[in-house]
Amino acid sequence: SPPPPPYVYKSPPPPPYVYSSPPPPPY
């Protein structure tokens, strides 16, 4: 049988996370 396709060990990097989210409205 043909050899299996190469396994993708390195997954694509995730999209940049938005750390600086707007602060919540003051109560």
PDB file of N, CA and C in Angstrom:
ATOM      1  N   SER A   1       0.851  -1.208   0.000  1.00  0.00           N
ATOM      2  CA  SER A   1       0.000   0.000   0.000  1.00  0.00           C
ATOM      3  C   SER A   1       0.882   1.252   0.000  1.00  0.00           C
ATOM      4  N   PRO A   2       0.388   2.358  -0.517  1.00  0.00           N
ATOM      5  CA  PRO A   2       1.206   3.588  -0.540  1.00  0.00           C
ATOM      6  C   PRO A   2       1.433   4.118   0.868  1.00  0.00           C
ATOM      7  N   PRO A   3       2.540   4.754   1.080  1.00  0.00           N
ATOM      8  CA  PRO A   3       2.822   5.289   2.426  1.00  0.00           C
ATOM      9  C   PRO A   3       1.820   6.375   2.810  1.00  0.00           C
ATOM     10  N   PRO A   4       1.533   6.488   4.080  1.00  0.00           N
ATOM     11  CA  PRO A   4       0.562   7.504   4.509  1.00  0.00           C
ATOM     12  C   PRO A   4       1.125   8.905   4.283  1.00  0.00           C
ATOM     13  N   PRO A   5       0.275   9.881   4.130  1.00  0.00           N
ATOM     14  CA  PRO A   5       0.771  11.249   3.926  1.00  0.00           C
ATOM     15  C   PRO A   5       1.505  11.740   5.162  1.00  0.00           C
ATOM     16  N   PRO A   6       2.450  12.616   4.978  1.00  0.00           N
ATOM     17  CA  PRO A   6       3.200  13.124   6.144  1.00  0.00           C
ATOM     18  C   PRO A   6       2.264  13.801   7.141  1.00  0.00           C
ATOM     19  N   TYR A   7       2.472  13.476   8.389  1.00  0.00           N
ATOM     20  CA  TYR A   7       1.588  14.042   9.408  1.00  0.00           C
ATOM     21  C   TYR A   7       2.010  15.472   9.735  1.00  0.00           C
ATOM     22  N   VAL A   8       1.017  16.318   9.882  1.00  0.00           N
ATOM     23  CA  VAL A   8       1.313  17.726  10.184  1.00  0.00           C
ATOM     24  C   VAL A   8       1.457  17.870  11.701  1.00  0.00           C
ATOM     25  N   TYR A   9       2.700  17.860  12.140  1.00  0.00           N
ATOM     26  CA  TYR A   9       2.932  17.999  13.580  1.00  0.00           C
ATOM     27  C   TYR A   9       2.783  19.461  14.002  1.00  0.00           C
ATOM     28  N   LYS A  10       3.276  20.338  13.141  1.00  0.00           N
ATOM     29  CA  LYS A  10       3.196  21.770  13.476  1.00  0.00           C
ATOM     30  C   LYS A  10       1.908  22.361  12.917  1.00  0.00           C
ATOM     31  N   SER A  11       0.957  22.593  13.786  1.00  0.00           N
ATOM     32  CA  SER A  11      -0.294  23.194  13.346  1.00  0.00           C
ATOM     33  C   SER A  11      -0.064  24.683  13.094  1.00  0.00           C
ATOM     34  N   PRO A  12      -0.868  25.294  12.237  1.00  0.00           N
ATOM     35  CA  PRO A  12      -0.664  26.717  11.965  1.00  0.00           C
ATOM     36  C   PRO A  12      -0.869  27.540  13.226  1.00  0.00           C
ATOM     37  N   PRO A  13      -0.125  28.604  13.387  1.00  0.00           N
ATOM     38  CA  PRO A  13      -0.242  29.406  14.612  1.00  0.00           C
ATOM     39  C   PRO A  13      -1.626  30.039  14.716  1.00  0.00           C
ATOM     40  N   PRO A  14      -2.159  30.154  15.897  1.00  0.00           N
ATOM     41  CA  PRO A  14      -3.486  30.737  16.061  1.00  0.00           C
ATOM     42  C   PRO A  14      -3.451  32.227  15.748  1.00  0.00           C
ATOM     43  N   PRO A  15      -4.580  32.813  15.423  1.00  0.00           N
ATOM     44  CA  PRO A  15      -4.593  34.246  15.139  1.00  0.00           C
ATOM     45  C   PRO A  15      -4.204  35.035  16.382  1.00  0.00           C
ATOM     46  N   PRO A  16      -3.612  36.191  16.191  1.00  0.00           N
ATOM     47  CA  PRO A  16      -3.183  36.977  17.367  1.00  0.00           C
ATOM     48  C   PRO A  16      -4.373  37.304  18.264  1.00  0.00           C
ATOM     49  N   TYR A  17      -4.203  37.026  19.523  1.00  0.00           N
ATOM     50  CA  TYR A  17      -5.303  37.264  20.458  1.00  0.00           C
ATOM     51  C   TYR A  17      -5.331  38.736  20.863  1.00  0.00           C
ATOM     52  N   VAL A  18      -6.539  39.253  20.977  1.00  0.00           N
ATOM     53  CA  VAL A  18      -6.682  40.664  21.355  1.00  0.00           C
ATOM     54  C   VAL A  18      -6.622  40.758  22.878  1.00  0.00           C
ATOM     55  N   TYR A  19      -5.412  41.027  23.372  1.00  0.00           N
ATOM     56  CA  TYR A  19      -5.256  41.120  24.825  1.00  0.00           C
ATOM     57  C   TYR A  19      -5.788  42.462  25.325  1.00  0.00           C
ATOM     58  N   SER A  20      -5.528  43.504  24.543  1.00  0.00           N
ATOM     59  CA  SER A  20      -5.966  44.840  24.964  1.00  0.00           C
ATOM     60  C   SER A  20      -7.419  45.071  24.570  1.00  0.00           C
ATOM     61  N   SER A  21      -8.317  44.408  25.294  1.00  0.00           N
ATOM     62  CA  SER A  21      -9.735  44.586  25.016  1.00  0.00           C
ATOM     63  C   SER A  21     -10.211  45.852  25.730  1.00  0.00           C
ATOM     64  N   PRO A  22     -11.248  46.489  25.212  1.00  0.00           N
ATOM     65  CA  PRO A  22     -11.721  47.718  25.869  1.00  0.00           C
ATOM     66  C   PRO A  22     -12.198  47.424  27.284  1.00  0.00           C
ATOM     67  N   PRO A  23     -11.939  48.285  28.219  1.00  0.00           N
ATOM     68  CA  PRO A  23     -12.352  48.043  29.607  1.00  0.00           C
ATOM     69  C   PRO A  23     -13.869  48.052  29.730  1.00  0.00           C
ATOM     70  N   PRO A  24     -14.412  47.333  30.683  1.00  0.00           N
ATOM     71  CA  PRO A  24     -15.874  47.305  30.850  1.00  0.00           C
ATOM     72  C   PRO A  24     -16.379  48.668  31.310  1.00  0.00           C
ATOM     73  N   PRO A  25     -17.614  48.978  31.017  1.00  0.00           N
ATOM     74  CA  PRO A  25     -18.154  50.282  31.442  1.00  0.00           C
ATOM     75  C   PRO A  25     -18.233  50.354  32.962  1.00  0.00           C
ATOM     76  N   PRO A  26     -17.965  51.493  33.512  1.00  0.00           N
ATOM     77  CA  PRO A  26     -18.022  51.620  34.989  1.00  0.00           C
ATOM     78  C   PRO A  26     -19.447  51.461  35.500  1.00  0.00           C
ATOM     79  N   TYR A  27     -19.542  50.872  36.659  1.00  0.00           N
ATOM     80  CA  TYR A  27     -20.885  50.667  37.207  1.00  0.00           C
ATOM     81  C   TYR A  27     -21.320  51.885  38.000  1.00  0.00           C
TER      82      TYR A  27
END
